[in-house]
Every structure is written in structure tokens, then in C-alpha cells.
Amino acid sequence: MNEADRTTAEHHGAIWGEFRRNPFVTAWTGRAALAAGVTATLGFVIPVDDEAIRGRLSEVVARLNATGGVVPFPPDYWHITIVPPAQLTSGDPSPPELLAESFSEEALAKARDAIRDAAPFDVTVRGLNAFQDVVVAVPFDGGRGLELGAMIREAVPELPQRYPGGLEPLPHISLTQYARDDRLDELVALIEGDREREFGEFRAERVEMFVVPWSDGVPGTVAKHALPLEGR
């Protein structure tokens, strides 16, 4: 395990320790809290589409879902965020908070060029964790995903370095949101049982830029744009 993966493990360990001391969650209401004027969000991710890993994660999600305490994300949503979402508007943009919807075309072209020579890499998925708003699996990639994110942000400086709440990206794969906050004992026990479970390894061969349209806080159909990792 290199320094980047040790840092990932330490951060996840600290989050789990705090969750065990104070198990507090935010339940999904069906609508996202977005800034006024936001009509879409745009971000860059590593998709998790290996069928073997999806199968193992699906088994875990099924057990969590049986508690009645979570709302699962579908497997085709599973990803590792490397650039936090930018907020787009169809109205007058006010950088850096809001960017014009047309910004997505520029961002895609510049990002594709920025990582054109980047090589594929291996990602190991090991263990679960509980964030305040989602249950996650933990990926270890030697820091490659965040390096790609930094390359993209250098090429497209309008993109955010942090999430809207100020948190920096930490490698994770969101599996479920929370449906309620009164089933935590059972959820904690299930998550703790898989804290060190090995889910397998997959080859990351592309980045995806996604664009999600929003209407009254409800997401529409996601558009995905592939950026192949073609270096050797």
C-alpha cells in the first residue's frame, strides 16, 4: 500500500470512528438541496462496471436494503468521483458558484485532451464505510484517480476542487442513501461486518464526464461521455 492508499485508509478509518461514536445520518427526501438557479450538475468519475465486483457489492446492498433503512443506488450509477460536481445554470452564470450550461462542451473537450496520454490502472475495492448521507465501498488506486482529477482541473480551472460543503474528494463508491434514521443499529452491525471485506480488483480504462439535469431538486436522465485512458 503506497502513501496515497494509506491516506485513503486513514481518512476512512477516522470517518468510521466518528460514525461509531455518533451514528447520525441524513435521510434522502427525494429532492436534492441545490443552489437557486441550478439546472444541471457536471462532474468527472471513474465508472465501476466490473461485473464480478458489481455482483459482490450487490449482495451487500441487498442485505442493507433488507433492513428498510436505505435507498440503493443502481449498479450503473456506481463510480469513484475524481472531480466534484460543478453547478450549471440556464440563466445568467455567476462564477465560481454557477457556470453556463454550454460550459459542458468546453469542459469535455479540454478534459479529454488533458488525460489523453494517461494510462489505465488497477483499482482494488475493499471494505465499507458510512458517511452521513451515504453508505460507501472503499477503492484503493494508488492515488491515480485524484491525479487524473488534478490534471482535469488544471486544464479546466473553472471546475471545483471541493464539494459544495467544502469537503475535499475522498475515494469512495456510493452504494446507498439512507431511507430513515431509526434503523442504525442494524445497519452499523452489517457495515462493521464488511469493514475489511475484499470485493476484488478492476482495471480502470476510462473516465466519464456526467451531466445530470435537475428540475425542482429531482434528477433527470444522466448523460455520460467517455474519456478513454489510452496511454501505455
Protein backbone atom coordinates (compact mmCIF):
# COMPACT_ATOMS: atom_id res chain seq x y z
CA MET A 1 0.00 0.00 0.00
CA ASN A 2 1.53 3.31 -1.08
CA GLU A 3 1.21 6.66 0.68
CA ALA A 4 -1.92 7.69 -1.25
CA ASP A 5 -3.73 4.47 -0.32
CA ARG A 6 -2.61 4.75 3.31
CA THR A 7 -4.06 8.27 3.38
CA THR A 8 -7.34 6.96 1.93
CA ALA A 9 -7.45 4.20 4.57
CA GLU A 10 -6.69 6.64 7.40
CA HIS A 11 -9.39 9.10 6.32
CA HIS A 12 -11.99 6.36 6.02
CA GLY A 13 -10.93 4.98 9.40
CA ALA A 14 -11.40 8.39 11.01
CA ILE A 15 -14.85 8.79 9.44
CA TRP A 16 -15.91 5.35 10.65
CA GLY A 17 -14.63 6.05 14.15
CA GLU A 18 -16.65 9.25 14.33
CA PHE A 19 -19.74 7.49 12.95
CA ARG A 20 -19.47 4.76 15.58
CA ARG A 21 -19.20 7.38 18.32
CA ASN A 22 -22.07 9.45 16.94
CA PRO A 23 -24.18 7.48 14.42
CA PHE A 24 -26.08 10.30 12.77
CA VAL A 25 -27.42 10.18 9.19
CA THR A 26 -29.32 12.40 6.79
CA ALA A 27 -32.21 10.58 5.12
CA TRP A 28 -32.89 11.10 1.40
CA THR A 29 -36.06 13.13 0.88
CA GLY A 30 -36.36 12.56 -2.86
CA ARG A 31 -35.06 16.04 -3.68
CA ALA A 32 -31.55 17.44 -3.62
CA ALA A 33 -30.79 20.76 -1.98
CA LEU A 34 -29.33 22.80 -4.82
CA ALA A 35 -28.41 26.45 -5.09
CA ALA A 36 -31.03 28.69 -6.68
CA GLY A 37 -30.80 28.64 -10.47
CA VAL A 38 -29.07 25.28 -10.80
CA THR A 39 -30.43 23.36 -13.79
CA ALA A 40 -27.68 20.72 -14.14
CA THR A 41 -24.55 19.37 -12.48
CA LEU A 42 -21.40 18.17 -14.20
CA GLY A 43 -18.57 16.04 -12.83
CA PHE A 44 -15.87 13.51 -13.67
CA VAL A 45 -15.80 9.94 -12.36
CA ILE A 46 -14.21 6.52 -12.76
CA PRO A 47 -17.10 4.13 -13.53
CA VAL A 48 -17.28 0.85 -11.61
CA ASP A 49 -18.58 -1.56 -14.23
CA ASP A 50 -16.68 -4.77 -13.50
CA GLU A 51 -19.36 -7.46 -13.29
CA ALA A 52 -17.65 -9.54 -10.60
CA ILE A 53 -17.26 -6.58 -8.26
CA ARG A 54 -20.77 -5.37 -9.04
CA GLY A 55 -22.08 -8.80 -8.10
CA ARG A 56 -20.33 -8.81 -4.72
CA LEU A 57 -21.39 -5.25 -3.96
CA SER A 58 -24.96 -6.07 -4.98
CA GLU A 59 -25.05 -8.84 -2.34
CA VAL A 60 -24.07 -6.31 0.32
CA VAL A 61 -26.59 -3.75 -0.91
CA ALA A 62 -29.34 -6.38 -0.81
CA ARG A 63 -28.58 -7.10 2.87
CA LEU A 64 -28.55 -3.40 3.71
CA ASN A 65 -31.78 -2.86 1.78
CA ALA A 66 -33.49 -5.67 3.71
CA THR A 67 -33.29 -3.52 6.86
CA GLY A 68 -35.63 -0.97 5.29
CA GLY A 69 -33.16 1.72 6.25
CA VAL A 70 -31.55 2.56 2.90
CA VAL A 71 -32.33 3.63 -0.65
CA PRO A 72 -29.93 1.81 -3.02
CA PHE A 73 -28.26 3.42 -5.99
CA PRO A 74 -28.48 1.23 -9.12
CA PRO A 75 -25.25 -0.54 -10.12
CA ASP A 76 -24.90 1.53 -13.30
CA TYR A 77 -24.58 4.59 -11.04
CA TRP A 78 -21.59 3.23 -9.07
CA HIS A 79 -18.47 5.32 -9.61
CA ILE A 80 -15.47 7.00 -7.99
CA THR A 81 -15.69 10.79 -8.16
CA ILE A 82 -12.41 12.43 -9.19
CA VAL A 83 -13.74 15.98 -9.78
CA PRO A 84 -16.61 17.19 -7.56
CA PRO A 85 -19.73 18.35 -9.41
CA ALA A 86 -19.88 21.81 -10.94
CA GLN A 87 -23.25 23.56 -10.86
CA LEU A 88 -24.67 24.77 -14.18
CA THR A 89 -27.47 27.20 -14.95
CA SER A 90 -29.57 28.14 -17.96
CA GLY A 91 -29.76 31.70 -16.60
CA ASP A 92 -27.00 34.22 -16.08
CA PRO A 93 -23.92 32.41 -14.71
CA SER A 94 -22.15 33.78 -11.65
CA PRO A 95 -18.72 32.08 -11.48
CA PRO A 96 -17.45 30.29 -9.49
CA GLU A 97 -20.82 29.31 -7.97
CA LEU A 98 -22.72 28.75 -11.24
CA LEU A 99 -21.49 28.13 -14.78
CA ALA A 100 -23.40 28.29 -18.06
CA GLU A 101 -24.90 25.03 -19.34
CA SER A 102 -22.82 25.45 -22.51
CA PHE A 103 -19.70 25.08 -20.33
CA SER A 104 -20.07 21.28 -20.52
CA GLU A 105 -18.88 21.14 -24.15
CA GLU A 106 -15.73 23.12 -23.35
CA ALA A 107 -15.04 21.08 -20.24
CA LEU A 108 -15.37 17.78 -22.12
CA ALA A 109 -13.00 18.81 -24.92
CA LYS A 110 -10.33 20.20 -22.59
CA ALA A 111 -10.53 17.27 -20.16
CA ARG A 112 -10.30 14.70 -22.95
CA ASP A 113 -7.17 16.38 -24.26
CA ALA A 114 -5.66 16.72 -20.77
CA ILE A 115 -5.77 12.99 -19.96
CA ARG A 116 -5.35 11.60 -23.47
CA ASP A 117 -1.93 10.10 -22.64
CA ALA A 118 -2.89 8.79 -19.19
CA ALA A 119 -2.68 5.01 -18.86
CA PRO A 120 -5.24 2.57 -17.46
CA PHE A 121 -4.71 1.48 -13.85
CA ASP A 122 -5.89 -1.07 -11.31
CA VAL A 123 -8.39 -0.33 -8.54
CA THR A 124 -8.87 -2.58 -5.51
CA VAL A 125 -12.20 -2.34 -3.68
CA ARG A 126 -12.00 -3.28 -0.01
CA GLY A 127 -14.41 -2.64 2.83
CA LEU A 128 -17.47 -0.50 3.58
CA ASN A 129 -17.89 2.79 5.37
CA ALA A 130 -20.74 5.04 6.49
CA PHE A 131 -20.85 8.71 5.58
CA GLN A 132 -23.57 10.97 6.93
CA ASP A 133 -25.56 10.78 3.68
CA VAL A 134 -24.43 7.53 2.01
CA VAL A 135 -23.05 4.04 2.63
CA VAL A 136 -19.91 3.52 0.54
CA ALA A 137 -17.38 0.95 -0.57
CA VAL A 138 -13.72 1.96 -0.39
CA PRO A 139 -11.49 1.94 -3.53
CA PHE A 140 -7.69 1.97 -3.49
CA ASP A 141 -5.98 3.07 -6.71
CA GLY A 142 -2.59 4.32 -5.59
CA GLY A 143 -3.79 7.91 -5.95
CA ARG A 144 -4.28 7.66 -9.70
CA GLY A 145 -7.90 8.84 -9.70
CA LEU A 146 -7.16 12.03 -7.78
CA GLU A 147 -4.12 12.63 -10.01
CA LEU A 148 -6.41 12.49 -13.04
CA GLY A 149 -8.79 14.86 -11.29
CA ALA A 150 -5.95 17.32 -10.71
CA MET A 151 -4.96 17.10 -14.38
CA ILE A 152 -8.53 17.84 -15.46
CA ARG A 153 -8.88 20.78 -13.06
CA GLU A 154 -5.59 22.23 -14.29
CA ALA A 155 -6.94 22.11 -17.84
CA VAL A 156 -10.37 23.38 -16.78
CA PRO A 157 -9.74 25.72 -13.81
CA GLU A 158 -13.44 26.63 -13.53
CA LEU A 159 -14.14 23.16 -12.07
CA PRO A 160 -14.40 22.97 -8.26
CA GLN A 161 -11.70 21.44 -6.09
CA ARG A 162 -14.17 20.63 -3.30
CA TYR A 163 -17.77 19.64 -2.83
CA PRO A 164 -20.28 22.45 -2.15
CA GLY A 165 -19.99 21.86 1.61
CA GLY A 166 -16.22 22.33 1.46
CA LEU A 167 -15.17 18.66 1.65
CA GLU A 168 -12.24 17.54 -0.49
CA PRO A 169 -12.65 14.45 -2.70
CA LEU A 170 -12.02 11.17 -0.86
CA PRO A 171 -12.09 7.98 -2.97
CA HIS A 172 -15.38 6.18 -2.38
CA ILE A 173 -18.17 4.35 -4.21
CA SER A 174 -21.63 5.43 -3.05
CA LEU A 175 -23.88 2.37 -2.74
CA THR A 176 -26.97 3.61 -0.90
CA GLN A 177 -28.57 6.66 0.61
CA TYR A 178 -30.49 6.46 3.89
CA ALA A 179 -34.26 5.99 3.89
CA ARG A 180 -34.68 6.72 7.60
CA ASP A 181 -32.62 7.37 10.71
CA ASP A 182 -34.13 4.86 13.15
CA ARG A 183 -32.60 1.61 11.83
CA LEU A 184 -28.98 2.47 12.54
CA ASP A 185 -28.13 -0.33 14.97
CA GLU A 186 -28.82 -2.98 12.36
CA LEU A 187 -27.07 -1.02 9.61
CA VAL A 188 -23.99 -0.40 11.75
CA ALA A 189 -23.70 -4.12 12.51
CA LEU A 190 -23.92 -5.03 8.82
CA ILE A 191 -21.40 -2.40 7.76
CA GLU A 192 -19.00 -3.33 10.54
CA GLY A 193 -19.12 -6.96 9.42
CA ASP A 194 -17.85 -5.95 5.97
CA ARG A 195 -15.41 -3.23 7.00
CA GLU A 196 -12.44 -5.25 5.70
CA ARG A 197 -14.12 -7.42 3.06
CA GLU A 198 -12.24 -7.82 -0.22
CA PHE A 199 -14.55 -7.13 -3.16
CA GLY A 200 -11.90 -7.55 -5.86
CA GLU A 201 -9.87 -5.58 -8.35
CA PHE A 202 -10.80 -4.00 -11.67
CA ARG A 203 -9.00 -2.17 -14.46
CA ALA A 204 -9.96 1.49 -14.88
CA GLU A 205 -9.78 2.14 -18.62
CA ARG A 206 -11.78 5.34 -18.93
CA VAL A 207 -13.02 8.44 -17.17
CA GLU A 208 -16.61 9.57 -17.63
CA MET A 209 -17.93 13.10 -17.61
CA PHE A 210 -21.54 13.10 -16.48
CA VAL A 211 -24.18 15.78 -16.82
CA VAL A 212 -27.31 15.47 -14.66
CA PRO A 213 -30.28 17.76 -15.39
CA TRP A 214 -32.32 18.86 -12.35
CA SER A 215 -35.90 20.05 -12.03
CA ASP A 216 -37.09 21.16 -8.58
CA GLY A 217 -34.33 19.10 -6.99
CA VAL A 218 -35.28 15.92 -8.87
CA PRO A 219 -32.65 14.43 -11.21
CA GLY A 220 -33.37 13.71 -14.86
CA THR A 221 -31.67 11.31 -17.27
CA VAL A 222 -27.88 11.31 -16.87
CA ALA A 223 -25.73 11.94 -19.95
CA LYS A 224 -22.35 10.15 -19.84
CA HIS A 225 -19.34 10.97 -22.03
CA ALA A 226 -16.39 8.56 -22.14
CA LEU A 227 -12.78 9.76 -21.99
CA PRO A 228 -10.60 6.71 -22.74
CA LEU A 229 -7.30 6.22 -20.95
CA GLU A 230 -5.12 5.34 -23.92
CA GLY A 231 -1.55 5.78 -22.65
CA ARG A 232 0.82 2.88 -22.22
